[in-house]
Amino acid sequence: MLRTSLVELPTALNVEDDSLPIAYDFRTWIKVDLIMKDHDIPDEAKLPLICQYIGVDLFHFSGSAEDLWASIFNFYICDTPMKSSEGMTKSKDIAYRFDCDWWLIFAAFQQQYGINLLTAKLHWFEFRALLDGLTETTEFIKVVQARLRDTSKLKGEERTQAEKLKRYWKVPDGNAEVEERDPHEIEAELLARIKD
């Protein structure tokens, strides 16, 4: 595990005894997120494609693909332990997807932090921390709340309006099958493919 300090953000993957410098800009890792969740990209093509984006030369890498995946995944989740989903109801609704919600995210960063994501230089970890810190004063968070709202206990006009908003803001189903799973399920599937 990376176990980052409060001062230094990682700029390399530690795989076995190798330290592999990587691109750590948030734009690169948004691409990684989209590749991981894209159902149209064959699983065996995902690792080479991700490595191409982050700057890892697979031809000169002699370690195990499984360890490399684990290190990539740890960086992707910002070296934070996954929250337990125990006791939580699993929603089939997708909160957001970078390719669908880019302009809402852009506007939210501009509104809340005064950051222009078109020109900002942010480490992936910084970007994720700021994304997680967005408040409901932003349209992006209002849209996410509308998508995830449980309408089953609402009645009458309130339910009608909530369901209408849910349908309006629903993330397209193109990659929904992959997106509905939590990151551990995605990682397990990708690692299983490597072992085959």
Foldseek 3Di string as FASTA:
>chain_A
DCPDDPPDADQFFCFPPDTGGWDFWQVLLLVLVCLLLQPPDDLVVNLVVNCVSTVNDPVPDDGAPLSVLVRVLCVSVVVDDDDDCPPPDQDLAFLDRCVVCVVLLQVQCCVPPVDRVVPDGDGSNRSVVVSVVGDPVGVSVVLSCLLPPDLPPPDDPVSVVSVVSNVVSGDDPNRSVRRSDDPVVSSVVSSVVSVD
